[in-house]
Structures are given as structure tokens and as C-alpha cells.
Protein backbone atom coordinates (compact mmCIF):
# COMPACT_ATOMS: atom_id res chain seq x y z
CA UNK A 1 -37.56 -30.95 31.44
CA UNK A 2 -39.72 -28.07 30.18
CA UNK A 3 -43.27 -29.01 29.18
CA UNK A 4 -46.01 -26.97 27.55
CA UNK A 5 -49.50 -28.12 28.42
CA UNK A 6 -52.57 -27.17 26.33
CA UNK A 7 -55.61 -25.98 28.30
CA UNK A 8 -59.11 -24.61 27.89
CA UNK A 9 -59.78 -21.36 29.80
CA UNK A 10 -61.87 -21.53 32.97
CA UNK A 11 -64.85 -19.22 33.48
CA UNK A 12 -64.99 -16.87 36.45
CA UNK A 13 -61.29 -16.29 37.12
CA UNK A 14 -61.87 -12.60 37.76
CA UNK A 15 -59.72 -11.21 40.58
CA UNK A 16 -61.38 -9.02 43.20
CA UNK A 17 -59.90 -6.37 45.48
CA UNK A 18 -57.40 -8.92 46.83
CA UNK A 19 -56.80 -11.37 44.01
CA UNK A 20 -58.73 -14.50 43.12
CA UNK A 21 -60.58 -16.34 45.88
CA UNK A 22 -62.54 -19.55 45.47
CA UNK A 23 -63.24 -22.72 47.38
CA UNK A 24 -60.07 -24.77 47.79
CA UNK A 25 -61.49 -27.65 45.76
CA UNK A 26 -61.98 -25.26 42.84
CA UNK A 27 -58.28 -24.45 42.89
CA UNK A 28 -57.47 -28.16 43.16
CA UNK A 29 -59.07 -28.91 39.80
CA UNK A 30 -56.50 -29.97 37.20
CA UNK A 31 -54.93 -26.91 35.56
CA UNK A 32 -57.10 -24.36 37.45
CA UNK A 33 -54.33 -22.77 39.53
CA UNK A 34 -51.89 -23.12 36.64
CA UNK A 35 -54.18 -21.17 34.32
CA UNK A 36 -54.48 -18.28 36.74
CA UNK A 37 -50.74 -18.21 37.40
CA UNK A 38 -50.19 -18.15 33.64
CA UNK A 39 -52.57 -15.18 33.45
CA UNK A 40 -50.56 -13.41 36.16
CA UNK A 41 -47.36 -13.96 34.20
CA UNK A 42 -49.02 -12.68 31.01
CA UNK A 43 -50.27 -9.53 32.76
CA UNK A 44 -46.75 -8.53 33.83
CA UNK A 45 -45.05 -9.22 30.50
CA UNK A 46 -43.77 -12.66 31.43
CA UNK A 47 -41.25 -13.68 34.08
CA UNK A 48 -38.14 -14.29 31.96
CA UNK A 49 -35.12 -12.89 33.82
CA UNK A 50 -37.25 -11.70 36.75
CA UNK A 51 -37.10 -12.29 40.50
CA UNK A 52 -40.24 -13.15 42.45
CA UNK A 53 -41.13 -13.57 46.13
CA UNK A 54 -43.43 -16.55 46.72
CA UNK A 55 -45.21 -17.67 49.88
CA UNK A 56 -48.51 -17.90 51.67
CA UNK A 57 -50.37 -18.26 54.92
CA UNK A 58 -50.06 -22.04 55.18
CA UNK A 59 -53.70 -22.86 54.60
CA UNK A 60 -54.63 -26.17 52.95
CA UNK A 61 -53.13 -26.49 49.43
CA UNK A 62 -50.52 -23.78 50.14
CA UNK A 63 -47.65 -26.31 49.97
CA UNK A 64 -48.78 -27.80 46.66
CA UNK A 65 -49.50 -24.38 45.13
CA UNK A 66 -46.02 -23.07 45.95
CA UNK A 67 -44.42 -26.02 44.15
CA UNK A 68 -46.62 -25.44 41.09
CA UNK A 69 -45.74 -21.75 40.93
CA UNK A 70 -42.03 -22.48 41.29
CA UNK A 71 -42.20 -25.04 38.49
CA UNK A 72 -44.00 -22.59 36.20
CA UNK A 73 -41.61 -19.74 37.00
CA UNK A 74 -38.61 -21.99 36.31
CA UNK A 75 -40.17 -23.25 33.08
CA UNK A 76 -40.69 -19.73 31.82
CA UNK A 77 -37.24 -18.33 32.49
CA UNK A 78 -37.45 -16.62 35.87
CA UNK A 79 -33.98 -15.88 37.21
CA UNK A 80 -34.67 -16.18 40.94
CA UNK A 81 -37.37 -17.01 43.45
CA UNK A 82 -37.32 -16.06 47.14
CA UNK A 83 -39.53 -18.44 49.12
CA UNK A 84 -40.41 -18.49 52.78
CA UNK A 85 -39.31 -21.66 54.58
CA UNK A 86 -42.07 -24.23 54.28
CA UNK A 87 -43.70 -22.02 51.66
CA UNK A 88 -44.82 -19.68 54.45
CA UNK A 89 -44.90 -15.87 54.46
CA UNK A 90 -47.29 -13.45 56.06
CA UNK A 91 -48.64 -10.90 53.60
CA UNK A 92 -46.79 -7.92 55.19
CA UNK A 93 -43.58 -9.97 55.38
CA UNK A 94 -43.90 -10.83 51.69
CA UNK A 95 -44.37 -7.14 50.89
CA UNK A 96 -41.25 -6.32 52.90
CA UNK A 97 -39.19 -9.00 51.12
CA UNK A 98 -40.26 -7.63 47.74
CA UNK A 99 -39.12 -4.15 48.74
CA UNK A 100 -35.99 -5.24 50.61
CA UNK A 101 -34.72 -7.36 47.73
CA UNK A 102 -35.98 -5.00 45.00
CA UNK A 103 -37.70 -7.88 43.23
CA UNK A 104 -40.07 -7.68 40.29
CA UNK A 105 -43.02 -8.56 42.51
CA UNK A 106 -44.42 -11.53 44.36
CA UNK A 107 -47.18 -14.10 44.46
CA UNK A 108 -49.01 -14.40 47.77
CA UNK A 109 -51.23 -17.38 48.53
CA UNK A 110 -54.04 -16.54 50.92
CA UNK A 111 -57.74 -15.98 51.29
CA UNK A 112 -56.89 -13.62 54.14
CA UNK A 113 -59.46 -13.83 56.95
CA UNK A 114 -61.57 -16.53 55.25
CA UNK A 115 -61.63 -20.06 56.75
CA UNK A 116 -59.11 -22.60 55.49
CA UNK A 117 -59.24 -26.31 54.75
CA UNK A 118 -60.04 -28.68 51.91
CA UNK A 119 -63.70 -27.65 52.02
CA UNK A 120 -63.05 -23.99 52.75
CA UNK A 121 -61.30 -21.13 50.95
CA UNK A 122 -58.10 -20.47 49.03
CA UNK A 123 -56.72 -17.42 47.26
CA UNK A 124 -53.87 -16.06 45.18
CA UNK A 125 -52.79 -12.53 44.31
CA UNK A 126 -49.88 -10.72 42.72
CA UNK A 127 -48.03 -7.86 44.40
CA UNK A 128 -46.07 -5.38 42.32
CA UNK A 129 -42.44 -4.34 42.66
CA UNK A 130 -43.43 -1.69 45.22
CA UNK A 131 -44.70 -4.51 47.45
CA UNK A 132 -48.34 -3.56 47.03
CA UNK A 133 -51.31 -5.36 45.48
CA UNK A 134 -51.67 -5.18 41.71
CA UNK A 135 -53.71 -2.15 40.59
CA UNK A 136 -56.93 -2.48 38.63
CA UNK A 137 -55.17 -2.09 35.28
CA UNK A 138 -53.12 -5.22 36.02
CA UNK A 139 -55.94 -7.28 37.51
CA UNK A 140 -58.05 -6.44 34.46
CA UNK A 141 -55.19 -7.66 32.26
CA UNK A 142 -55.09 -10.87 34.31
CA UNK A 143 -58.80 -11.44 33.78
CA UNK A 144 -58.46 -10.82 30.05
CA UNK A 145 -55.64 -13.35 29.92
CA UNK A 146 -57.70 -16.00 31.76
CA UNK A 147 -60.26 -15.87 28.96
CA UNK A 148 -57.82 -16.23 26.08
CA UNK A 149 -54.91 -18.43 27.20
CA UNK A 150 -54.46 -21.81 25.53
CA UNK A 151 -51.42 -23.28 27.30
CA UNK A 152 -48.99 -22.98 30.16
CA UNK A 153 -45.37 -24.01 30.56
CA UNK A 154 -43.54 -25.52 33.51
CA UNK A 155 -40.26 -27.16 34.46
CA UNK A 156 -40.95 -30.79 35.31
CA UNK A 157 -38.86 -31.98 38.26
CA UNK A 158 -39.30 -33.46 41.76
CA UNK A 159 -40.64 -31.09 44.39
CA UNK A 160 -38.08 -28.94 46.19
CA UNK A 161 -37.44 -29.44 49.90
CA UNK A 162 -38.72 -26.14 51.25
CA UNK A 163 -38.32 -27.16 54.88
CA UNK A 164 -34.64 -26.23 55.07
CA UNK A 165 -33.20 -22.72 54.72
CA UNK A 166 -30.87 -22.97 51.73
CA UNK A 167 -30.19 -21.90 48.15
CA UNK A 168 -31.00 -24.47 45.46
CA UNK A 169 -31.76 -24.48 41.76
CA UNK A 170 -34.76 -25.53 39.75
CA UNK A 171 -33.62 -25.76 36.16
CA UNK A 172 -31.80 -22.47 35.58
CA UNK A 173 -33.73 -20.64 38.31
CA UNK A 174 -32.10 -19.91 41.68
CA UNK A 175 -34.39 -20.57 44.63
CA UNK A 176 -33.54 -18.93 47.96
CA UNK A 177 -35.45 -20.55 50.84
CA UNK A 178 -35.37 -17.95 53.61
CA UNK A 179 -36.43 -17.56 57.23
CA UNK A 180 -39.93 -16.11 56.83
CA UNK A 181 -39.76 -14.14 60.09
CA UNK A 182 -36.24 -12.71 60.54
CA UNK A 183 -36.19 -9.82 58.06
CA UNK A 184 -39.66 -8.68 59.11
CA UNK A 185 -38.79 -8.78 62.81
CA UNK A 186 -35.62 -6.79 62.12
CA UNK A 187 -37.71 -4.15 60.36
CA UNK A 188 -39.99 -3.83 63.40
CA UNK A 189 -36.97 -3.13 65.60
CA UNK A 190 -36.11 -0.11 63.45
CA UNK A 191 -39.60 1.38 63.79
CA UNK A 192 -40.48 0.95 67.45
CA UNK A 193 -38.93 1.64 70.85
CA UNK A 194 -38.20 -1.96 71.78
CA UNK A 195 -36.33 -1.00 75.00
CA UNK A 196 -39.34 0.96 76.29
CA UNK A 197 -41.76 -1.85 75.44
CA UNK A 198 -39.41 -4.43 76.93
CA UNK A 199 -39.22 -2.39 80.14
CA UNK A 200 -43.01 -2.23 80.32
CA UNK A 201 -43.27 -6.01 80.08
CA UNK A 202 -40.52 -6.39 82.68
CA UNK A 203 -42.51 -4.15 85.04
CA UNK A 204 -45.46 -6.55 84.94
CA UNK A 205 -47.48 -5.41 81.94
CA UNK A 206 -49.58 -8.34 80.71
CA UNK A 207 -50.80 -9.16 77.22
CA UNK A 208 -52.61 -11.80 75.22
CA UNK A 209 -52.12 -12.19 71.46
CA UNK A 210 -54.42 -14.63 69.65
CA UNK A 211 -52.78 -15.77 66.41
CA UNK A 212 -55.88 -17.85 65.56
CA UNK A 213 -53.78 -20.85 64.37
CA UNK A 214 -52.69 -18.69 61.44
CA UNK A 215 -49.50 -17.28 59.96
CA UNK A 216 -48.83 -14.50 62.50
CA UNK A 217 -48.10 -17.01 65.27
CA UNK A 218 -44.37 -17.45 64.53
CA UNK A 219 -43.95 -13.70 63.98
CA UNK A 220 -45.70 -12.80 67.23
CA UNK A 221 -43.73 -15.37 69.24
CA UNK A 222 -40.42 -14.09 67.87
CA UNK A 223 -41.19 -10.40 68.35
CA UNK A 224 -43.35 -10.35 71.49
CA UNK A 225 -41.94 -13.25 73.50
CA UNK A 226 -38.36 -13.62 72.24
CA UNK A 227 -37.36 -10.03 71.48
CA UNK A 228 -39.62 -8.02 73.80
CA UNK A 229 -39.70 -10.39 76.76
CA UNK A 230 -43.43 -10.94 77.05
CA UNK A 231 -44.22 -13.99 79.13
CA UNK A 232 -44.11 -17.36 77.41
CA UNK A 233 -47.63 -18.24 76.39
CA UNK A 234 -48.56 -14.62 75.69
CA UNK A 235 -49.20 -15.76 72.11
CA UNK A 236 -52.02 -18.31 71.95
CA UNK A 237 -52.98 -20.53 68.99
CA UNK A 238 -49.45 -19.80 67.78
CA UNK A 239 -48.91 -22.72 65.38
CA UNK A 240 -50.20 -22.18 61.82
CA UNK A 241 -52.47 -25.04 60.76
CA UNK A 242 -53.84 -25.86 57.28
CA UNK A 243 -57.42 -25.52 58.55
CA UNK A 244 -56.61 -22.88 61.21
CA UNK A 245 -57.60 -25.46 63.80
CA UNK A 246 -61.20 -25.14 62.65
CA UNK A 247 -61.17 -21.47 63.61
CA UNK A 248 -62.42 -18.64 61.42
CA UNK A 249 -59.23 -16.51 61.37
CA UNK A 250 -60.96 -13.15 61.28
CA UNK A 251 -59.90 -10.91 64.20
CA UNK A 252 -63.21 -9.38 65.20
CA UNK A 253 -65.38 -9.69 68.31
CA UNK A 254 -67.49 -12.44 66.75
CA UNK A 255 -64.73 -14.83 65.70
CA UNK A 256 -62.06 -13.96 68.27
CA UNK A 257 -64.55 -14.69 71.05
CA UNK A 258 -62.02 -16.43 73.31
CA UNK A 259 -59.88 -13.31 73.40
CA UNK A 260 -62.92 -11.08 73.85
CA UNK A 261 -64.11 -13.10 76.84
CA UNK A 262 -60.69 -12.99 78.47
CA UNK A 263 -60.21 -9.25 77.89
CA UNK A 264 -63.68 -8.33 79.13
CA UNK A 265 -63.24 -10.33 82.35
CA UNK A 266 -62.35 -8.51 85.53
CA UNK A 267 -58.94 -10.17 85.69
CA UNK A 268 -58.11 -9.80 82.01
CA UNK A 269 -54.63 -8.84 80.76
CA UNK A 270 -53.69 -5.18 80.30
CA UNK A 271 -53.68 -5.48 76.52
CA UNK A 272 -55.05 -7.88 73.95
CA UNK A 273 -54.73 -8.32 70.20
CA UNK A 274 -55.45 -10.78 67.42
CA UNK A 275 -54.46 -11.19 63.80
CA UNK A 276 -55.95 -12.99 60.82
CA UNK A 277 -55.16 -15.76 58.34
CA UNK A 278 -52.35 -13.99 56.47
CA UNK A 279 -51.26 -11.54 59.15
CA UNK A 280 -52.41 -8.26 57.64
CA UNK A 281 -55.35 -7.50 59.96
CA UNK A 282 -55.55 -6.74 63.66
CA UNK A 283 -57.96 -6.33 66.52
CA UNK A 284 -56.90 -4.32 69.56
CA UNK A 285 -58.34 -4.45 73.07
CA UNK A 286 -57.63 -3.19 76.54
CA UNK A 287 -58.94 -4.69 79.75
CA UNK A 288 -62.68 -4.06 79.41
CA UNK A 289 -62.14 -1.92 76.31
CA UNK A 290 -62.68 -2.74 72.65
CA UNK A 291 -61.01 -0.47 70.09
CA UNK A 292 -62.83 -0.22 66.78
CA UNK A 293 -60.52 -0.27 63.74
CA UNK A 294 -61.65 3.25 62.83
CA UNK A 295 -60.76 4.55 66.29
CA UNK A 296 -57.50 2.60 66.22
CA UNK A 297 -56.38 4.39 63.05
CA UNK A 298 -57.25 7.75 64.60
CA UNK A 299 -55.42 7.03 67.88
CA UNK A 300 -52.35 5.71 66.06
CA UNK A 301 -52.25 8.78 63.82
CA UNK A 302 -52.52 11.14 66.80
CA UNK A 303 -49.71 9.34 68.65
CA UNK A 304 -47.42 7.96 65.94
CA UNK A 305 -44.72 10.50 66.80
CA UNK A 306 -44.07 8.56 70.02
CA UNK A 307 -42.46 5.74 67.99
CA UNK A 308 -38.92 6.26 66.65
CA UNK A 309 -39.91 5.38 63.08
CA UNK A 310 -42.41 8.25 63.02
CA UNK A 311 -40.74 10.73 65.39
CA UNK A 312 -40.48 13.31 62.62
CA UNK A 313 -44.24 13.33 62.14
CA UNK A 314 -46.43 11.85 59.45
CA UNK A 315 -47.10 13.19 55.97
CA UNK A 316 -50.82 12.46 55.91
CA UNK A 317 -53.54 9.91 56.57
CA UNK A 318 -55.65 7.83 54.18
CA UNK A 319 -58.74 5.80 54.98
CA UNK A 320 -61.14 3.73 52.96
CA UNK A 321 -64.47 5.42 52.27
CA UNK A 322 -66.53 3.13 54.57
CA UNK A 323 -64.15 3.76 57.49
CA UNK A 324 -65.43 6.28 60.03
CA UNK A 325 -64.44 9.93 59.92
CA UNK A 326 -62.47 9.69 63.19
CA UNK A 327 -59.13 9.93 61.38
CA UNK A 328 -60.35 12.99 59.45
CA UNK A 329 -60.76 14.88 62.71
CA UNK A 330 -57.21 14.03 63.77
CA UNK A 331 -55.87 15.13 60.39
CA UNK A 332 -57.77 18.41 60.58
CA UNK A 333 -56.47 19.15 64.09
CA UNK A 334 -52.89 18.31 63.09
CA UNK A 335 -53.02 20.21 59.79
CA UNK A 336 -52.48 17.04 57.76
CA UNK A 337 -54.03 15.95 54.45
CA UNK A 338 -56.56 13.15 54.71
CA UNK A 339 -57.60 11.04 51.72
CA UNK A 340 -60.78 8.99 51.29
CA UNK A 341 -60.25 6.06 48.93
CA UNK A 342 -62.28 3.05 47.76
CA UNK A 343 -62.04 -0.18 49.73
CA UNK A 344 -58.94 -2.19 48.82
CA UNK A 345 -55.38 -1.64 50.02
CA UNK A 346 -54.17 -1.20 46.46
CA UNK A 347 -55.78 2.26 46.44
CA UNK A 348 -53.35 3.44 49.12
CA UNK A 349 -50.31 2.41 47.06
CA UNK A 350 -49.98 5.51 44.89
CA UNK A 351 -50.45 7.82 47.89
CA UNK A 352 -47.76 5.96 49.85
CA UNK A 353 -45.33 5.81 46.92
CA UNK A 354 -45.80 9.53 46.28
CA UNK A 355 -45.11 10.38 49.94
CA UNK A 356 -48.55 11.93 50.33
CA UNK A 357 -49.50 9.79 53.35
CA UNK A 358 -47.75 7.79 56.06
CA UNK A 359 -50.59 5.96 57.82
CA UNK A 360 -53.52 4.15 56.20
CA UNK A 361 -56.47 2.24 57.55
CA UNK A 362 -59.64 0.37 56.74
CA UNK A 363 -62.60 -0.39 58.97
CA UNK A 364 -62.13 -4.07 58.12
CA UNK A 365 -59.42 -4.38 60.79
CA UNK A 366 -56.56 -3.29 58.52
CA UNK A 367 -53.98 -0.66 59.46
CA UNK A 368 -50.54 0.06 58.07
CA UNK A 369 -47.91 2.60 57.14
CA UNK A 370 -45.32 3.33 54.50
CA UNK A 371 -42.93 0.66 55.88
CA UNK A 372 -44.57 -1.86 53.50
CA UNK A 373 -47.36 -1.66 50.93
CA UNK A 374 -49.84 -3.89 52.73
CA UNK A 375 -51.82 -3.56 55.90
CA UNK A 376 -49.88 -5.10 58.77
CA UNK A 377 -51.50 -6.63 61.84
CA UNK A 378 -48.45 -7.07 64.06
CA UNK A 379 -47.13 -3.62 63.12
CA UNK A 380 -50.35 -2.03 64.42
CA UNK A 381 -50.11 -4.01 67.66
CA UNK A 382 -46.50 -2.89 68.15
CA UNK A 383 -47.37 0.76 67.56
CA UNK A 384 -50.09 0.44 70.23
CA UNK A 385 -47.55 -1.16 72.59
CA UNK A 386 -45.11 1.68 71.90
CA UNK A 387 -47.78 4.28 72.68
CA UNK A 388 -48.86 2.48 75.85
CA UNK A 389 -45.25 2.20 77.01
CA UNK A 390 -44.44 5.87 76.45
CA UNK A 391 -47.71 7.29 77.79
CA UNK A 392 -47.92 4.90 80.74
CA UNK A 393 -51.70 4.71 80.45
CA UNK A 394 -54.27 2.01 79.83
CA UNK A 395 -56.09 1.53 76.54
CA UNK A 396 -59.32 2.81 78.13
CA UNK A 397 -57.59 5.97 79.39
CA UNK A 398 -56.07 6.69 75.99
CA UNK A 399 -59.44 6.24 74.28
CA UNK A 400 -61.19 8.51 76.80
CA UNK A 401 -58.63 11.29 76.32
CA UNK A 402 -58.78 10.91 72.54
CA UNK A 403 -62.58 11.21 72.43
CA UNK A 404 -62.57 14.18 74.81
CA UNK A 405 -60.17 15.97 72.47
CA UNK A 406 -61.49 14.98 69.04
CA UNK A 407 -65.03 13.77 69.72
CA UNK A 408 -66.26 10.24 69.07
CA UNK A 409 -67.48 8.67 65.85
CA UNK A 410 -69.86 5.95 66.99
CA UNK A 411 -69.37 3.32 64.34
CA UNK A 412 -70.39 -0.21 63.42
CA UNK A 413 -70.49 -2.54 60.44
CA UNK A 414 -73.33 -5.00 59.89
CA UNK A 415 -72.63 -7.94 57.58
CA UNK A 416 -75.37 -9.95 55.90
CA UNK A 417 -73.54 -13.01 54.55
CA UNK A 418 -74.21 -15.51 51.75
CA UNK A 419 -77.20 -13.62 50.32
CA UNK A 420 -78.44 -14.86 46.97
CA UNK A 421 -76.44 -12.76 44.54
CA UNK A 422 -79.39 -11.82 42.31
CA UNK A 423 -81.37 -10.52 45.31
CA UNK A 424 -78.43 -8.51 46.59
CA UNK A 425 -77.81 -7.04 43.14
CA UNK A 426 -81.49 -6.13 42.76
CA UNK A 427 -81.51 -4.35 46.12
CA UNK A 428 -78.44 -2.27 45.30
CA UNK A 429 -79.74 -1.48 41.79
CA UNK A 430 -83.07 -0.27 43.21
CA UNK A 431 -81.34 1.90 45.81
CA UNK A 432 -78.95 3.30 43.22
CA UNK A 433 -81.91 4.27 41.02
CA UNK A 434 -83.42 6.30 43.88
CA UNK A 435 -80.30 8.21 44.92
CA UNK A 436 -81.02 11.41 43.02
CA UNK A 437 -84.34 11.87 44.80
CA UNK A 438 -83.29 11.20 48.40
CA UNK A 439 -81.87 14.60 49.36
CA UNK A 440 -84.19 16.46 51.72
CA UNK A 441 -86.10 13.38 52.86
CA UNK A 442 -86.46 12.84 56.60
CA UNK A 443 -85.79 9.33 57.96
CA UNK A 444 -85.93 8.39 61.67
CA UNK A 445 -85.84 12.08 62.54
CA UNK A 446 -82.76 12.76 60.42
CA UNK A 447 -82.69 14.73 57.17
CA UNK A 448 -80.73 13.36 54.21
CA UNK A 449 -78.26 15.95 52.92
CA UNK A 450 -76.85 14.04 49.93
CA UNK A 451 -76.85 10.54 48.49
CA UNK A 452 -74.42 9.21 45.89
CA UNK A 453 -72.46 6.26 44.54
CA UNK A 454 -68.87 6.91 45.58
CA UNK A 455 -66.39 7.52 42.78
CA UNK A 456 -62.68 8.12 43.31
CA UNK A 457 -60.16 9.96 41.17
CA UNK A 458 -56.63 9.01 42.17
CA UNK A 459 -54.78 12.27 42.93
CA UNK A 460 -51.48 10.76 41.78
CA UNK A 461 -52.22 9.08 38.45
CA UNK A 462 -55.71 10.42 37.67
CA UNK A 463 -57.31 6.97 37.37
CA UNK A 464 -61.03 6.82 38.14
CA UNK A 465 -62.88 4.10 40.07
CA UNK A 466 -66.68 4.25 40.02
CA UNK A 467 -69.52 2.58 41.92
CA UNK A 468 -67.41 1.99 45.02
CA UNK A 469 -70.26 2.10 47.53
CA UNK A 470 -73.57 3.87 48.05
CA UNK A 471 -73.42 6.70 50.56
CA UNK A 472 -76.33 8.31 52.39
CA UNK A 473 -75.15 11.43 54.22
CA UNK A 474 -77.35 13.19 56.77
CA UNK A 475 -77.35 16.83 57.82
CA UNK A 476 -76.10 15.99 61.33
CA UNK A 477 -72.95 14.38 59.87
CA UNK A 478 -74.16 10.80 60.21
CA UNK A 479 -73.57 8.36 57.34
CA UNK A 480 -74.85 5.06 56.04
CA UNK A 481 -72.77 3.22 53.45
CA UNK A 482 -73.80 0.08 51.53
CA UNK A 483 -71.37 -2.21 49.72
CA UNK A 484 -71.44 -5.67 48.28
CA UNK A 485 -68.16 -7.31 49.27
CA UNK A 486 -65.93 -9.15 46.84
CA UNK A 487 -63.95 -11.12 49.43
CA UNK A 488 -66.33 -14.05 49.93
CA UNK A 489 -66.39 -17.23 47.89
CA UNK A 490 -70.13 -17.91 47.66
CA UNK A 491 -73.23 -15.76 47.37
CA UNK A 492 -72.96 -12.07 48.18
CA UNK A 493 -72.10 -10.31 51.41
CA UNK A 494 -73.90 -7.04 52.04
CA UNK A 495 -71.96 -4.71 54.30
CA UNK A 496 -73.80 -1.81 55.93
CA UNK A 497 -71.57 0.80 57.57
CA UNK A 498 -72.97 3.16 60.20
CA UNK A 499 -71.18 6.30 61.40
CA UNK A 500 -72.51 8.97 63.78
CA UNK A 501 -70.39 11.77 65.30
CA UNK A 502 -70.67 13.02 68.88
CA UNK A 503 -68.54 16.02 69.95
CA UNK A 504 -66.17 15.82 72.89
CA UNK A 505 -68.71 17.56 75.11
CA UNK A 506 -71.36 14.93 74.38
CA UNK A 507 -72.08 11.47 75.78
CA UNK A 508 -68.98 9.48 74.82
CA UNK A 509 -69.61 6.22 76.69
CA UNK A 510 -72.69 4.77 75.02
CA UNK A 511 -72.86 1.27 73.56
CA UNK A 512 -72.34 1.86 69.82
CA UNK A 513 -75.43 -0.17 68.89
CA UNK A 514 -77.52 2.04 71.19
CA UNK A 515 -75.99 5.26 69.88
CA UNK A 516 -76.56 4.09 66.30
CA UNK A 517 -80.09 2.71 66.76
CA UNK A 518 -81.89 5.41 64.69
CA UNK A 519 -79.29 5.08 61.93
CA UNK A 520 -79.67 1.29 61.88
CA UNK A 521 -83.44 1.60 61.40
CA UNK A 522 -82.93 4.18 58.68
CA UNK A 523 -80.41 1.96 56.88
CA UNK A 524 -82.79 -1.02 56.84
CA UNK A 525 -85.72 1.03 55.65
CA UNK A 526 -83.92 2.96 52.93
CA UNK A 527 -82.52 -0.17 51.27
CA UNK A 528 -85.44 -2.50 51.97
CA UNK A 529 -83.03 -5.08 53.38
CA UNK A 530 -85.73 -7.38 54.78
CA UNK A 531 -87.86 -7.15 51.64
CA UNK A 532 -85.03 -8.06 49.29
CA UNK A 533 -83.00 -10.51 51.40
CA UNK A 534 -85.44 -11.91 53.94
CA UNK A 535 -82.96 -10.90 56.67
CA UNK A 536 -83.95 -8.71 59.59
CA UNK A 537 -80.64 -8.88 61.43
CA UNK A 538 -76.99 -9.19 60.38
CA UNK A 539 -74.84 -12.31 60.68
CA UNK A 540 -71.85 -10.40 62.04
CA UNK A 541 -71.68 -7.06 63.87
CA UNK A 542 -68.32 -5.33 64.28
């Protein structure tokens, strides 16, 4: 039976760079999720006759949310829904299914790297027919709809059994419940030299992959252990859990501390990696060697031709503005275009669709290519494995050769979490007001060349995005970038990005925090971080 339910709009349903994220209990309020889903449908002209991919990372409330979305899609005339078994899909796998099946888009349930559980975080976003996150024009339409809607419609019926791969119906809508892993794993086999990687494992190469009790576990087990022959148990924390086993599924040195300890030990595996809540981020390590996401993008770009899927070369590279300039130096040496975009994977979509770039990356542990329209954690790990197998070197040796050739961008990100929003806003406003007068000033022995608030004009469609991060650029090529993040669910997170270049003839083996010490002091002083926030040190350093 189709029912239309009257509602009053909720305040604050404004999607950020990756959809709407709130505490799980907020989404569990009566009608809250339904209102936002209705706004999604309104922003894309309704779902009548359309096909959608639906799935999520398995965090708490994922199962209930999938049933609600299916009921609403069926009640509003959708023709077909493709759902991962158990309501599960990693974000890159969902993007691939959208593209593979040429659907009208998809709804992905995740708060990415944020903690999960009844008292933690939940999220929802819409991906377009190209498989990529909705652009700002669509998310703005969603927000407008959240403020004006008065009702939503659904098909009232018992919940579907999503635990069995099958094709069923919900009203007049066909629902295909599919293996969430198979199509994605098949895609990986077309991109990478599986025989070479398999041979490396057979020769004794060792690896540890920490899935952090999140969605990538089943994907990593299938690809690494089943198809590539890595030893059983290579993938740890492999079973997705609604609360991620109490872990914070953010693959960085702070939260993936078990993996870090193992890899930095004298008897650590040859290679280590981790992924996040929804499978789109990655951290890469060698024995005794940590690879920053910025360096990872640069190394992958310089060596992508070693993988079959990229043997013909790459069209270009794109990076988010706060990401270090390491990839720029690779692009320059290879005669490739390099684009600097705002933070948010959606900004890479037009460049990828237009064939202007092949590889993209963000300093926030996200890397990907034109095979999907999302960042892809396991893909990045497999490209590293392909490079290691072909070159026959260790991660540390590859990094050393890369820095000797291109120089090293010492880089770090300092996160100040859960700051009172009004204090964070006041700090950024005060710094923004001073930008025009900073050029020529000397700070910690360095002279400021320019200071601005980054604005981006999309080279494909001409759209403009302003106030995307404050940049302080010094004459020696160093940079400080300040951004308030939109991915948290309470307070404000201040991110301070620090980037300092050393040529290949310089000292390339310093601890990044030591190499960046003058820049760190300059960053604190210029923004008055302690004065505004009461914080003298960050909560997380990556």
C-alpha cells in the first residue's frame, strides 16, 4: 500500500562535501531520514521510472535506513533498485555499480571515517549517474528542498530479506540483491597485473591489511587472500561491525596504531595498508616506512604505467588544494597537466569525465583514478602492490629514489577537533580580514609572498567555488593552509596543512615535524590559534 505522510521540515539538513552527516540518534528521529531522502528525490526530479544503487558501510542503522529508502523509492515509482547483499556496499563499489549498470545514480549510507554506533555518527549522500558525488548545484537543491517539503511517500510492506542474493519485487519496483564484492573485484583484475602480484606473494612477500572492522574487510579478503594468494590472516579486523568494534575507522597513524606498531617493528611485514569505514581511503606503509598520502599520490602517478590499466600513460593529475605539491613536480617532469581543486571528491568529477586527468588524490588519505568516480582505498593498495611487484624494491627504496629524483615535500596536517564553532569562525574571519596586508611580512625567518582565500573556477563547466581555504604562501615555496572541516558532526574541526619543499640534493630523511618546525610556529602565530581556541597542540597529527 502506498502512503503519503505529512511532515514538518527539520532544521540543519544541509549537506556538506560528502552528504549529510549527523549523530546516529539524530537520523533515528521519526521522519528525519525520510525527509532528507525526499529532498534527494526532489533534487533529481523524482525517481519515477529510474534505477538506483543503494547500500552502505554497515554501520549502526544502515540496515534500517536501506529498508526505508527502498520503501520510499518503491512508493514513488522507481523502476529498479540494485542493493548490496545485507545492504552493504563500499563507496567505490557503489560507484562502480552505478557506472557498470548505467543507473540514474545511487544512495550511499556512510559517515566515511567517522566512528559508528548508536551514539556515534551516520551519513547519507547521493551519487550521480557518472558514479560521483552530487555537485554543489544538486546539494544546494537538496538543502532547499529540506526547508520546504511537507510530505513524503512510501510503499508500506514488510521488510525485504536482503541477506540472500536474489531478485524480488517491492510493489512495482524490481529489487536486485547482488554480491557486493564480485563486480568490484573483477574490475580490479582488469586494472592490475594479478599474476605478477600473485608471484610476489608466492615468493614470500608479506603484508598486513587492517580493515578496521569496516566495509573493506570482505573486499580485501576476496582480492588479497582469495585471488592474489596472500596468506590467510593477512587481512585483520576483516568483519564489518555496526560499531566498527569500537575502533575509529580512520586509516591514519593515530587511529591505525596497531598496524603502525607492527610495521615499525624490526620484524614487521614487507607492506602494510589500512582502509576506512566506507572503503574509500587508504594508508600505505612499508617496513619502517610511512607513506604520506601526498607522497603516495606522487609515487603512484610516477609509476602508474607499470600497471596494465595505465600502461598507455595517464592524461593528467588532480589534487585537492591542501594536498602537498609533490604531485605537481611529477606532472611537470612528465609533461602532464596538474589541477588544484577544492577539497571534496566531487570537484574531480568534471575533470575525470572530460578525460583531463587519470589520477586524483587528497591529503586526507584518498586516492583514485578514472575507473570509478570516488576515491578508492583498495585500488590504491593494489596499485602499490603492482609497482612493488614489478620494481622488486621495498617501499623505503621506492620513496628514496622518488625523493632523489623529484625532491621531497615535507608535509603534515594538524587537526584541532571539536572546537566551539563560534570561536573557530571568529579566528578564520579575523585571519581572512588580514590577508591583504600579509605579503612582505617576515615570520619565523620566512617572508610571506602572497596570502589569499582559495577560489576555484572549474575548467570544464566554468562553475566557481569561493572561500575554499586560506593560503599563506612563502617565498621559499613553503605553504600554510587553514580550513574548517565539514565532515564532523559536532563543533568545528580546524585543519592546518603544512608543506615545505626540499630539493633532491637536500636533506631528505628528516622527521617531518622537525623539518616543519618553523612553519608550525608561523602557522600558530599567524592565526592566533591558542588565543582563539585555547589549544596549543593538535588532537591529531598526520
